[in-house]
Amino acid sequence: DNRDSQSQITDPKQLSGGERSFATISMLISLGECIESPFRVMDEFDVFMDAVSRNKALETLIETGKRNSNRQYIFITPQDISSITP
């Protein structure tokens, strides 16, 4: 249960590298909704993520890009993206 005080992390230093990466992507997507910019670039955003978090992050980024077709999105990753369908 994620509602009890024992399971809540209050210090970001306690997060794993992948959890920090996922939190950063979430924050950047939120900020991107408030900041007008014709393009967004994310470089090696998924390096520390496990496969499940990586797929969810990619799905979220692609859906965000589809919703904002007036902006350009550039995602740079050393990971295999052959399983991703736009």
N, C-alpha and C. Protein backbone atom coordinates (compact mmCIF):
# COMPACT_ATOMS: atom_id res chain seq x y z
N ASP A 1 0.85 -1.17 0.00
CA ASP A 1 0.00 0.00 0.00
C ASP A 1 0.89 1.23 0.00
N ASN A 2 0.72 2.10 -0.97
CA ASN A 2 1.59 3.26 -1.09
C ASN A 2 1.12 4.45 -0.27
N ARG A 3 0.11 4.25 0.57
CA ARG A 3 -0.42 5.35 1.36
C ARG A 3 0.16 5.42 2.76
N ASP A 4 0.84 4.38 3.19
CA ASP A 4 1.39 4.44 4.55
C ASP A 4 2.72 5.19 4.55
N SER A 5 3.06 5.75 5.68
CA SER A 5 4.24 6.60 5.77
C SER A 5 5.53 5.82 5.58
N GLN A 6 5.52 4.52 5.81
CA GLN A 6 6.72 3.70 5.65
C GLN A 6 7.13 3.54 4.19
N SER A 7 6.17 3.60 3.26
CA SER A 7 6.50 3.35 1.85
C SER A 7 6.75 4.64 1.07
N GLN A 8 6.61 5.79 1.70
CA GLN A 8 6.80 7.05 1.02
C GLN A 8 8.25 7.49 1.11
N ILE A 9 8.82 7.84 -0.03
CA ILE A 9 10.20 8.34 -0.07
C ILE A 9 10.13 9.86 -0.11
N THR A 10 10.77 10.49 0.84
CA THR A 10 10.75 11.96 0.90
C THR A 10 12.08 12.56 0.47
N ASP A 11 13.11 11.75 0.38
CA ASP A 11 14.43 12.23 -0.03
C ASP A 11 14.75 11.66 -1.41
N PRO A 12 14.87 12.51 -2.44
CA PRO A 12 15.14 12.01 -3.79
C PRO A 12 16.45 11.21 -3.91
N LYS A 13 17.34 11.39 -2.96
CA LYS A 13 18.60 10.64 -2.99
C LYS A 13 18.38 9.15 -2.74
N GLN A 14 17.22 8.80 -2.19
CA GLN A 14 16.90 7.40 -1.93
C GLN A 14 16.36 6.69 -3.16
N LEU A 15 16.04 7.43 -4.21
CA LEU A 15 15.54 6.83 -5.44
C LEU A 15 16.67 6.19 -6.23
N SER A 16 16.34 5.15 -6.98
CA SER A 16 17.33 4.54 -7.87
C SER A 16 17.56 5.47 -9.05
N GLY A 17 18.58 5.19 -9.84
CA GLY A 17 18.85 6.01 -11.01
C GLY A 17 17.69 6.03 -11.99
N GLY A 18 17.06 4.88 -12.20
CA GLY A 18 15.91 4.80 -13.09
C GLY A 18 14.71 5.56 -12.56
N GLU A 19 14.48 5.48 -11.26
CA GLU A 19 13.37 6.22 -10.66
C GLU A 19 13.59 7.72 -10.77
N ARG A 20 14.83 8.15 -10.59
CA ARG A 20 15.14 9.58 -10.76
C ARG A 20 14.93 10.02 -12.21
N SER A 21 15.36 9.17 -13.14
CA SER A 21 15.17 9.49 -14.56
C SER A 21 13.70 9.62 -14.90
N PHE A 22 12.89 8.68 -14.39
CA PHE A 22 11.45 8.71 -14.66
C PHE A 22 10.82 9.96 -14.05
N ALA A 23 11.21 10.30 -12.83
CA ALA A 23 10.69 11.50 -12.18
C ALA A 23 11.09 12.76 -12.95
N THR A 24 12.30 12.77 -13.47
CA THR A 24 12.77 13.92 -14.24
C THR A 24 11.97 14.08 -15.53
N ILE A 25 11.71 12.96 -16.21
CA ILE A 25 10.90 13.02 -17.44
C ILE A 25 9.50 13.55 -17.13
N SER A 26 8.91 13.06 -16.04
CA SER A 26 7.58 13.53 -15.65
C SER A 26 7.58 15.02 -15.40
N MET A 27 8.60 15.50 -14.70
CA MET A 27 8.69 16.93 -14.42
C MET A 27 8.87 17.73 -15.72
N LEU A 28 9.72 17.24 -16.62
CA LEU A 28 9.96 17.96 -17.88
C LEU A 28 8.71 18.00 -18.76
N ILE A 29 7.94 16.92 -18.77
CA ILE A 29 6.69 16.93 -19.53
C ILE A 29 5.73 17.96 -18.94
N SER A 30 5.64 18.00 -17.62
CA SER A 30 4.77 18.98 -16.96
C SER A 30 5.22 20.41 -17.25
N LEU A 31 6.51 20.66 -17.13
CA LEU A 31 7.03 21.99 -17.43
C LEU A 31 6.80 22.36 -18.89
N GLY A 32 6.93 21.38 -19.76
CA GLY A 32 6.75 21.62 -21.19
C GLY A 32 5.36 22.09 -21.54
N GLU A 33 4.38 21.73 -20.72
CA GLU A 33 3.01 22.19 -20.94
C GLU A 33 2.88 23.69 -20.63
N CYS A 34 3.76 24.22 -19.82
CA CYS A 34 3.69 25.62 -19.40
C CYS A 34 4.64 26.54 -20.17
N ILE A 35 5.65 25.96 -20.80
CA ILE A 35 6.68 26.75 -21.47
C ILE A 35 6.52 26.59 -22.98
N GLU A 36 6.42 27.71 -23.67
CA GLU A 36 6.31 27.67 -25.12
C GLU A 36 7.68 27.53 -25.75
N SER A 37 7.86 26.45 -26.48
CA SER A 37 9.10 26.21 -27.19
C SER A 37 8.75 25.37 -28.41
N PRO A 38 9.34 25.66 -29.56
CA PRO A 38 8.98 24.91 -30.77
C PRO A 38 9.53 23.49 -30.79
N PHE A 39 10.47 23.18 -29.91
CA PHE A 39 11.02 21.83 -29.90
C PHE A 39 11.44 21.42 -28.50
N ARG A 40 11.55 20.10 -28.33
CA ARG A 40 12.02 19.51 -27.07
C ARG A 40 13.06 18.46 -27.44
N VAL A 41 14.14 18.42 -26.69
CA VAL A 41 15.19 17.43 -26.92
C VAL A 41 15.49 16.73 -25.60
N MET A 42 15.52 15.40 -25.65
CA MET A 42 15.90 14.61 -24.48
C MET A 42 17.01 13.66 -24.91
N ASP A 43 18.14 13.77 -24.24
CA ASP A 43 19.32 12.99 -24.58
C ASP A 43 19.59 11.95 -23.50
N GLU A 44 19.64 10.69 -23.90
CA GLU A 44 19.95 9.56 -23.02
C GLU A 44 19.12 9.57 -21.75
N PHE A 45 17.84 9.87 -21.90
CA PHE A 45 16.93 9.96 -20.76
C PHE A 45 16.62 8.60 -20.13
N ASP A 46 16.86 7.52 -20.85
CA ASP A 46 16.44 6.20 -20.38
C ASP A 46 17.59 5.27 -20.00
N VAL A 47 18.78 5.79 -19.91
CA VAL A 47 19.96 4.96 -19.68
C VAL A 47 19.88 4.17 -18.38
N PHE A 48 19.35 4.76 -17.32
CA PHE A 48 19.33 4.10 -16.02
C PHE A 48 18.01 3.39 -15.72
N MET A 49 17.08 3.38 -16.66
CA MET A 49 15.77 2.78 -16.43
C MET A 49 15.76 1.29 -16.72
N ASP A 50 14.90 0.57 -15.98
CA ASP A 50 14.68 -0.83 -16.32
C ASP A 50 13.73 -0.88 -17.51
N ALA A 51 13.52 -2.07 -18.07
CA ALA A 51 12.73 -2.22 -19.30
C ALA A 51 11.30 -1.74 -19.13
N VAL A 52 10.68 -2.02 -18.01
CA VAL A 52 9.29 -1.62 -17.80
C VAL A 52 9.16 -0.10 -17.73
N SER A 53 10.00 0.53 -16.94
CA SER A 53 9.96 2.00 -16.82
C SER A 53 10.32 2.66 -18.14
N ARG A 54 11.27 2.09 -18.85
CA ARG A 54 11.69 2.64 -20.13
C ARG A 54 10.54 2.62 -21.14
N ASN A 55 9.84 1.48 -21.23
CA ASN A 55 8.71 1.38 -22.16
C ASN A 55 7.61 2.35 -21.80
N LYS A 56 7.31 2.47 -20.51
CA LYS A 56 6.27 3.41 -20.07
C LYS A 56 6.68 4.85 -20.37
N ALA A 57 7.94 5.18 -20.12
CA ALA A 57 8.43 6.53 -20.40
C ALA A 57 8.34 6.84 -21.90
N LEU A 58 8.76 5.89 -22.73
CA LEU A 58 8.69 6.10 -24.18
C LEU A 58 7.25 6.25 -24.65
N GLU A 59 6.36 5.43 -24.14
CA GLU A 59 4.94 5.55 -24.50
C GLU A 59 4.41 6.93 -24.13
N THR A 60 4.75 7.39 -22.94
CA THR A 60 4.29 8.69 -22.46
C THR A 60 4.86 9.82 -23.32
N LEU A 61 6.14 9.73 -23.64
CA LEU A 61 6.76 10.77 -24.48
C LEU A 61 6.17 10.79 -25.88
N ILE A 62 5.92 9.63 -26.45
CA ILE A 62 5.34 9.57 -27.80
C ILE A 62 3.92 10.12 -27.80
N GLU A 63 3.13 9.76 -26.80
CA GLU A 63 1.77 10.29 -26.70
C GLU A 63 1.78 11.81 -26.50
N THR A 64 2.71 12.31 -25.71
CA THR A 64 2.84 13.75 -25.51
C THR A 64 3.19 14.43 -26.83
N GLY A 65 4.08 13.82 -27.59
CA GLY A 65 4.45 14.36 -28.89
C GLY A 65 3.28 14.37 -29.87
N LYS A 66 2.47 13.33 -29.84
CA LYS A 66 1.31 13.27 -30.73
C LYS A 66 0.27 14.34 -30.37
N ARG A 67 0.11 14.58 -29.08
CA ARG A 67 -0.85 15.61 -28.63
C ARG A 67 -0.39 17.02 -28.99
N ASN A 68 0.90 17.20 -29.11
CA ASN A 68 1.48 18.52 -29.40
C ASN A 68 2.14 18.50 -30.77
N SER A 69 1.35 18.30 -31.79
CA SER A 69 1.91 18.15 -33.14
C SER A 69 2.52 19.44 -33.69
N ASN A 70 2.30 20.55 -33.00
CA ASN A 70 2.90 21.82 -33.44
C ASN A 70 4.33 21.99 -32.92
N ARG A 71 4.82 20.99 -32.19
CA ARG A 71 6.19 21.03 -31.66
C ARG A 71 6.98 19.84 -32.19
N GLN A 72 8.28 20.00 -32.23
CA GLN A 72 9.15 18.90 -32.64
C GLN A 72 9.77 18.27 -31.39
N TYR A 73 9.82 16.95 -31.39
CA TYR A 73 10.41 16.21 -30.28
C TYR A 73 11.58 15.41 -30.81
N ILE A 74 12.71 15.48 -30.12
CA ILE A 74 13.90 14.73 -30.49
C ILE A 74 14.32 13.91 -29.27
N PHE A 75 14.32 12.59 -29.43
CA PHE A 75 14.73 11.69 -28.35
C PHE A 75 15.99 10.97 -28.78
N ILE A 76 17.05 11.12 -28.01
CA ILE A 76 18.32 10.48 -28.31
C ILE A 76 18.58 9.43 -27.25
N THR A 77 18.81 8.20 -27.70
CA THR A 77 19.05 7.11 -26.77
C THR A 77 20.00 6.09 -27.38
N PRO A 78 20.89 5.54 -26.56
CA PRO A 78 21.75 4.46 -27.06
C PRO A 78 21.05 3.10 -27.03
N GLN A 79 19.83 3.07 -26.46
CA GLN A 79 19.08 1.83 -26.32
C GLN A 79 18.40 1.46 -27.64
N ASP A 80 18.02 0.17 -27.76
CA ASP A 80 17.31 -0.33 -28.92
C ASP A 80 15.87 0.18 -28.91
N ILE A 81 15.41 0.77 -30.00
CA ILE A 81 14.04 1.27 -30.06
C ILE A 81 13.23 0.55 -31.15
N SER A 82 13.72 -0.59 -31.62
CA SER A 82 13.04 -1.29 -32.70
C SER A 82 11.64 -1.77 -32.33
N SER A 83 11.36 -1.93 -31.04
CA SER A 83 10.04 -2.39 -30.62
C SER A 83 9.04 -1.25 -30.48
N ILE A 84 9.48 -0.02 -30.61
CA ILE A 84 8.62 1.15 -30.44
C ILE A 84 7.95 1.47 -31.77
N THR A 85 6.62 1.63 -31.72
CA THR A 85 5.89 2.05 -32.92
C THR A 85 5.33 3.43 -32.70
N PRO A 86 5.61 4.34 -33.62
CA PRO A 86 5.15 5.73 -33.44
C PRO A 86 3.64 5.87 -33.56
